Structure formats: C-alpha cells, structure tokens
Amino acid sequence: MKRLLMGLTLALLLSHVVVAADDDPDTVYTNLQKAIEEKKPAADIKPLAVQLLKLTAKPDGDAAAVKHAQELSRYAEYQLYTLAAAGPAPVTVELFSALEEASPKSEYLLSGYGTYLAALGPAKGGPAAEKALNNFPEDIYLLAYAASDAFGKQANDKALGYARRAIASRAKVPEGMNLNGMHYIAGMVYGAKNQFFECNKELRTALPSLSGDNERLARALYYLGMSNYQLGRTALNKAQVLEGQKYADQAAALASSVKSQAYQLAQTIKVDAARMR
C-alpha cells in the first residue's frame, strides 16, 4: 500500500512537472526550435508555435521580461509564416490561418496575404480579405482584393466602398501594383448609378491602363460616352456632348458585350448634338 501511494505521488509530481514545462515559454521555444531544426512536419510545428504565441500574448514583468516574450512571439510568428509561404496550398491555408488567429496583427501577415488568398481560391479569398481588413484597414492590397472580389460578384456598393478606401488610403502602394483597377471599379459602379460626374472622373483616370483588354476598355468607353453626353446636355455644352459621341463610337468599334448598346448611344448623341448650337 505504501509503495502504491508513493507511486501515485511520484506520478502526480511528474505530471505537474510536464504541465509546468508546457506552460513555460522558454521550454516551448526550445521544443519549437528543435522541431524546426529536425525538419518536423507542419502538423508537429503548428501546435508548438501556436502554444508559444498564446503563452507570450500578454507578457508581464519588467521591461527585459516583456522584450524577451516579444522576441519569442516574433520567432513563433516567423516560423508559421515561412512554413505557410513554402506551401503547398493546404499547408499554406492551415498555418497562415493559425497565425492569423493566434496573432491577428502580426507584422508577417501583410507579407503573406497574397500567397494565402491565392491558396484559398476565389470562393474563400474575398471573405478572408474582408476579415483581414478588420486588423489592417488601410492595406491597399487587401482593399483591392476585396473590391475586385465584390465587383466580380456584382456587389457594387461593397465594391465601390473598398475601391474608394483603396484610392484614399495613405498606405504605400505595393511594388508592382497601381490603383488603376480601383479607379475602373469606382467609375463603373458610378456609371451604373448614373453618377456621371464621378464616373467621368474615375474612368478618365483608368482609361490608359485598359489598352489590350477590349471588354473592359469598351465598357469604360461606353460609360464615358454616356457620362459626357449627359453632363454636356445638362450644361448645354455641345463640345462635351460631342466628346461623349467620340467615346461611344470608340466603344462601338470594339468587339465586346456592349457593342450594340454603344452603337445605339452614339446614334442618339449624334442626333441630339445636331440640334444643339
């Protein structure tokens, strides 16, 4: 009986030591380092990295202790990020989503969202970008992705909102990216809403970037034709009305889904312009 009690006591002490070790950030850090060095699979690394992030989420103690906890946290974030970026797609999704959940404002998230959203695919990428904007509301890449996704799904008001935010954002435009697509989306939605002044402004900005894409170019030219026609009629400005006809003629000359509409618009403008002085 005495041996049994001693055995139980020893087991309890050992279990306590294990729990304490699991709750010690430095121990978890060491285990994570070892797993990385031994090139363990993502399934082994993920729980260690996530655990370390949880243990260092709210550091306390003096300045040195807080700094140490932050360094451990950044190490865990970096490991999740680099493994997620390496793929393949299922691993990217699993590890990046784990990083996002455990540390939603990690500095590494913005570097990896392009890879993550691509791995998710069109069906899930849009909602993921919108979720990410809760933590990075000024990020131009996320705003552009969300705007394009919403526009493709004909959620025009949502698309316009994201496009306008991207255009107004003070964040640095990512290398190799421009805002022409956001001007195009904004202009097209304004055109659909008959907000001709705004449509004219946005699509004039976007127009030079549309060369080679006949469908989008024709649609932009059609709405530029409509906008300048309506603005010119309102202001009794024949020159602007004729500019509208020019845009409509250009749209009608392209093979696109608005070819017939553009031709009809051009003919209407031609008749009205002939009546103006």
Protein backbone atom coordinates (compact mmCIF):
# COMPACT_ATOMS: atom_id res chain seq x y z
CA MET A 1 0.00 0.00 0.00
CA LYS A 2 2.83 2.32 0.93
CA ARG A 3 4.56 1.61 -2.39
CA LEU A 4 1.31 2.27 -4.23
CA LEU A 5 0.91 5.67 -2.54
CA MET A 6 4.50 6.55 -3.32
CA GLY A 7 3.96 5.59 -6.93
CA LEU A 8 0.85 7.73 -7.19
CA THR A 9 2.62 10.65 -5.56
CA LEU A 10 5.55 10.32 -7.99
CA ALA A 11 3.15 10.18 -10.94
CA LEU A 12 1.39 13.32 -9.77
CA LEU A 13 4.69 15.11 -9.33
CA LEU A 14 5.83 14.10 -12.79
CA SER A 15 2.55 15.19 -14.36
CA HIS A 16 2.92 18.52 -12.58
CA VAL A 17 6.40 18.92 -14.00
CA VAL A 18 5.13 18.21 -17.52
CA VAL A 19 2.33 20.74 -17.23
CA ALA A 20 4.73 23.31 -15.82
CA ALA A 21 7.11 22.68 -18.70
CA ASP A 22 4.30 23.04 -21.21
CA ASP A 23 3.37 26.37 -19.63
CA ASP A 24 6.92 27.69 -19.74
CA PRO A 25 7.54 29.83 -22.86
CA ASP A 26 11.26 29.07 -22.91
CA THR A 27 10.64 25.34 -22.83
CA VAL A 28 8.10 25.56 -25.65
CA TYR A 29 10.53 27.78 -27.57
CA THR A 30 13.26 25.17 -27.20
CA ASN A 31 10.90 22.43 -28.37
CA LEU A 32 9.86 24.54 -31.36
CA GLN A 33 13.48 25.23 -32.26
CA LYS A 34 14.25 21.54 -32.11
CA ALA A 35 11.24 20.69 -34.30
CA ILE A 36 12.36 23.25 -36.88
CA GLU A 37 15.97 22.00 -36.86
CA GLU A 38 14.81 18.42 -37.26
CA LYS A 39 12.54 19.50 -40.11
CA LYS A 40 9.46 18.09 -38.47
CA PRO A 41 6.19 18.23 -40.48
CA ALA A 42 3.85 21.19 -40.18
CA ALA A 43 1.49 19.11 -38.05
CA ASP A 44 4.19 18.96 -35.35
CA ILE A 45 5.35 22.56 -35.63
CA LYS A 46 1.97 24.26 -35.69
CA PRO A 47 0.83 23.35 -32.14
CA LEU A 48 4.19 24.38 -30.66
CA ALA A 49 4.19 27.74 -32.45
CA VAL A 50 0.57 28.43 -31.54
CA GLN A 51 1.20 27.48 -27.92
CA LEU A 52 4.19 29.81 -27.75
CA LEU A 53 2.12 32.64 -29.17
CA LYS A 54 -0.57 32.07 -26.56
CA LEU A 55 1.96 32.00 -23.73
CA THR A 56 3.57 35.26 -24.86
CA ALA A 57 0.40 37.10 -25.87
CA LYS A 58 0.21 39.16 -22.66
CA PRO A 59 3.72 39.45 -21.27
CA ASP A 60 4.23 40.81 -17.78
CA GLY A 61 7.20 41.57 -15.55
CA ASP A 62 9.91 44.15 -16.09
CA ALA A 63 10.96 45.62 -19.43
CA ALA A 64 13.50 42.87 -20.06
CA ALA A 65 10.90 40.15 -19.48
CA VAL A 66 8.43 41.84 -21.81
CA LYS A 67 11.10 42.22 -24.50
CA HIS A 68 12.06 38.56 -24.16
CA ALA A 69 8.43 37.47 -24.53
CA GLN A 70 8.05 39.64 -27.63
CA GLU A 71 11.14 38.07 -29.18
CA LEU A 72 9.77 34.58 -28.57
CA SER A 73 6.46 35.63 -30.07
CA ARG A 74 8.10 37.02 -33.21
CA TYR A 75 10.07 33.79 -33.60
CA ALA A 76 6.86 31.72 -33.49
CA GLU A 77 5.15 34.08 -35.93
CA TYR A 78 8.08 33.89 -38.32
CA GLN A 79 8.17 30.12 -38.30
CA LEU A 80 4.45 29.86 -39.07
CA TYR A 81 4.82 32.46 -41.82
CA THR A 82 7.82 30.89 -43.56
CA LEU A 83 6.34 27.39 -43.50
CA ALA A 84 3.00 28.72 -44.73
CA ALA A 85 4.67 30.61 -47.57
CA ALA A 86 6.53 27.49 -48.67
CA GLY A 87 3.27 25.61 -49.24
CA PRO A 88 1.77 23.50 -50.66
CA ALA A 89 -1.64 25.21 -50.66
CA PRO A 90 -3.26 23.10 -47.89
CA VAL A 91 -0.29 23.77 -45.60
CA THR A 92 -0.36 27.46 -46.52
CA VAL A 93 -4.01 27.72 -45.54
CA GLU A 94 -3.60 25.74 -42.31
CA LEU A 95 -0.54 27.57 -41.00
CA PHE A 96 -1.45 31.06 -42.18
CA SER A 97 -4.92 30.81 -40.67
CA ALA A 98 -3.32 29.60 -37.44
CA LEU A 99 -1.00 32.62 -37.42
CA GLU A 100 -3.89 34.95 -38.17
CA GLU A 101 -5.98 33.53 -35.34
CA ALA A 102 -3.18 33.46 -32.76
CA SER A 103 -1.63 36.82 -33.68
CA PRO A 104 -4.08 38.79 -35.87
CA LYS A 105 -1.85 41.87 -36.11
CA SER A 106 1.43 40.11 -36.78
CA GLU A 107 3.86 42.03 -38.96
CA TYR A 108 4.29 38.88 -41.07
CA LEU A 109 0.65 38.66 -42.10
CA LEU A 110 0.81 41.51 -44.59
CA SER A 111 3.78 39.87 -46.32
CA GLY A 112 1.87 36.63 -46.75
CA TYR A 113 -1.69 37.59 -47.61
CA GLY A 114 -1.04 37.32 -51.35
CA THR A 115 0.06 33.70 -51.01
CA TYR A 116 -2.68 32.91 -48.50
CA LEU A 117 -5.55 34.36 -50.54
CA ALA A 118 -4.30 32.60 -53.68
CA ALA A 119 -4.20 29.30 -51.78
CA LEU A 120 -7.75 29.84 -50.55
CA GLY A 121 -9.04 30.42 -54.07
CA PRO A 122 -11.74 32.80 -55.36
CA ALA A 123 -14.61 31.38 -53.31
CA LYS A 124 -12.93 31.94 -49.94
CA GLY A 125 -10.38 34.63 -50.78
CA GLY A 126 -12.81 37.54 -50.73
CA PRO A 127 -14.27 36.87 -47.27
CA ALA A 128 -10.74 36.26 -45.95
CA ALA A 129 -9.57 39.63 -47.30
CA GLU A 130 -12.55 41.37 -45.70
CA LYS A 131 -11.78 39.69 -42.38
CA ALA A 132 -8.14 40.77 -42.61
CA LEU A 133 -9.20 44.37 -43.17
CA ASN A 134 -10.54 44.44 -39.61
CA ASN A 135 -6.91 44.44 -38.47
CA PHE A 136 -5.30 46.20 -41.43
CA PRO A 137 -7.96 48.68 -42.63
CA GLU A 138 -5.56 50.79 -44.71
CA ASP A 139 -3.79 47.99 -46.56
CA ILE A 140 -4.12 48.64 -50.28
CA TYR A 141 -3.59 45.05 -51.39
CA LEU A 142 -6.39 43.76 -49.17
CA LEU A 143 -8.70 46.63 -50.16
CA ALA A 144 -8.03 46.00 -53.86
CA TYR A 145 -8.60 42.27 -53.47
CA ALA A 146 -11.87 42.82 -51.60
CA ALA A 147 -13.02 45.42 -54.15
CA SER A 148 -12.26 43.17 -57.12
CA ASP A 149 -13.93 40.19 -55.46
CA ALA A 150 -17.08 42.17 -54.66
CA PHE A 151 -17.19 43.70 -58.16
CA GLY A 152 -16.90 40.26 -59.73
CA LYS A 153 -19.84 39.11 -57.62
CA GLN A 154 -21.85 42.22 -58.64
CA ALA A 155 -21.91 43.50 -55.07
CA ASN A 156 -21.48 47.02 -56.44
CA ASP A 157 -21.94 49.07 -53.28
CA LYS A 158 -19.42 46.96 -51.40
CA ALA A 159 -17.00 47.09 -54.34
CA LEU A 160 -17.28 50.87 -54.54
CA GLY A 161 -16.66 51.21 -50.81
CA TYR A 162 -13.47 49.17 -50.92
CA ALA A 163 -12.26 50.85 -54.13
CA ARG A 164 -12.74 54.31 -52.65
CA ARG A 165 -10.92 53.28 -49.49
CA ALA A 166 -8.01 51.98 -51.55
CA ILE A 167 -7.80 55.20 -53.55
CA ALA A 168 -7.94 57.31 -50.38
CA SER A 169 -5.57 55.12 -48.35
CA ARG A 170 -2.38 56.71 -47.09
CA ALA A 171 -0.63 53.35 -47.08
CA LYS A 172 2.21 52.75 -49.51
CA VAL A 173 1.14 51.18 -52.79
CA PRO A 174 2.83 47.75 -53.05
CA GLU A 175 5.63 47.42 -55.57
CA GLY A 176 4.35 46.40 -58.99
CA MET A 177 0.80 47.48 -58.18
CA ASN A 178 -1.18 50.59 -59.09
CA LEU A 179 -4.66 51.90 -58.37
CA ASN A 180 -5.94 51.96 -61.95
CA GLY A 181 -8.12 48.94 -61.28
CA MET A 182 -9.73 50.72 -58.33
CA HIS A 183 -10.48 53.77 -60.49
CA TYR A 184 -12.04 51.43 -63.06
CA ILE A 185 -14.25 49.70 -60.49
CA ALA A 186 -15.30 53.01 -58.94
CA GLY A 187 -16.05 54.51 -62.35
CA MET A 188 -18.10 51.53 -63.50
CA VAL A 189 -20.20 51.49 -60.34
CA TYR A 190 -20.73 55.25 -60.53
CA GLY A 191 -21.82 54.81 -64.14
CA ALA A 192 -24.34 52.13 -63.17
CA LYS A 193 -25.68 54.54 -60.55
CA ASN A 194 -25.96 57.40 -63.10
CA GLN A 195 -23.47 59.46 -61.07
CA PHE A 196 -22.00 60.89 -64.23
CA PHE A 197 -19.55 63.43 -62.84
CA GLU A 198 -17.84 60.86 -60.61
CA CYS A 199 -17.96 58.23 -63.37
CA ASN A 200 -16.28 60.58 -65.85
CA LYS A 201 -13.53 61.45 -63.37
CA GLU A 202 -12.68 57.88 -62.37
CA LEU A 203 -12.82 56.31 -65.83
CA ARG A 204 -10.67 59.03 -67.40
CA THR A 205 -8.03 58.10 -64.84
CA ALA A 206 -8.39 54.38 -65.50
CA LEU A 207 -8.60 54.53 -69.32
CA PRO A 208 -4.86 54.44 -70.22
CA SER A 209 -4.42 51.19 -68.28
CA LEU A 210 -7.16 49.34 -70.20
CA SER A 211 -5.39 49.05 -73.53
CA GLY A 212 -5.36 45.45 -74.72
CA ASP A 213 -8.41 44.45 -72.69
CA ASN A 214 -11.19 45.12 -75.17
CA GLU A 215 -14.05 44.10 -72.91
CA ARG A 216 -13.13 46.38 -70.04
CA LEU A 217 -11.99 49.13 -72.40
CA ALA A 218 -15.29 49.06 -74.30
CA ARG A 219 -17.30 49.16 -71.07
CA ALA A 220 -15.30 52.12 -69.82
CA LEU A 221 -15.66 53.95 -73.13
CA TYR A 222 -19.40 53.29 -73.14
CA TYR A 223 -19.85 54.84 -69.70
CA LEU A 224 -17.55 57.72 -70.61
CA GLY A 225 -19.74 58.30 -73.64
CA MET A 226 -22.90 58.23 -71.53
CA SER A 227 -21.42 60.43 -68.79
CA ASN A 228 -20.09 63.14 -71.09
CA TYR A 229 -23.31 63.11 -73.09
CA GLN A 230 -25.45 63.60 -70.00
CA LEU A 231 -23.12 66.17 -68.44
CA GLY A 232 -22.91 68.08 -71.71
CA ARG A 233 -26.70 68.10 -72.17
CA THR A 234 -27.21 69.40 -68.63
CA ALA A 235 -24.64 72.19 -69.08
CA LEU A 236 -25.69 72.90 -72.69
CA ASN A 237 -22.08 72.15 -73.63
CA LYS A 238 -22.05 70.85 -77.18
CA ALA A 239 -18.31 70.16 -77.10
CA GLN A 240 -18.75 67.77 -74.19
CA VAL A 241 -21.72 66.11 -75.87
CA LEU A 242 -19.57 65.52 -78.96
CA GLU A 243 -16.85 64.14 -76.72
CA GLY A 244 -19.44 61.69 -75.44
CA GLN A 245 -20.14 60.66 -79.03
CA LYS A 246 -16.44 60.09 -79.62
CA TYR A 247 -16.23 57.74 -76.67
CA ALA A 248 -19.39 55.92 -77.73
CA ASP A 249 -18.06 55.50 -81.29
CA GLN A 250 -14.82 54.06 -79.91
CA ALA A 251 -16.75 51.61 -77.73
CA ALA A 252 -18.92 50.55 -80.68
CA ALA A 253 -15.82 49.82 -82.76
CA LEU A 254 -14.62 47.17 -80.31
CA ALA A 255 -15.78 43.57 -80.10
CA SER A 256 -17.44 43.43 -76.69
CA SER A 257 -20.67 42.72 -74.85
CA VAL A 258 -21.66 46.44 -75.06
CA LYS A 259 -21.02 46.87 -78.78
CA SER A 260 -24.72 47.18 -79.70
CA GLN A 261 -25.50 49.48 -76.77
CA ALA A 262 -22.56 51.70 -77.62
CA TYR A 263 -23.69 51.97 -81.24
CA GLN A 264 -27.21 52.99 -80.19
CA LEU A 265 -25.79 55.53 -77.76
CA ALA A 266 -23.54 57.01 -80.44
CA GLN A 267 -26.51 57.42 -82.81
CA THR A 268 -28.62 59.07 -80.10
CA ILE A 269 -25.86 61.52 -79.25
CA LYS A 270 -25.32 62.32 -82.93
CA VAL A 271 -28.97 63.28 -83.36
CA ASP A 272 -29.07 65.39 -80.18
CA ALA A 273 -25.78 67.10 -80.97
CA ALA A 274 -27.09 68.15 -84.39
CA ARG A 275 -29.92 70.03 -82.64
CA MET A 276 -27.56 71.96 -80.39
CA ARG A 277 -25.95 75.26 -81.25
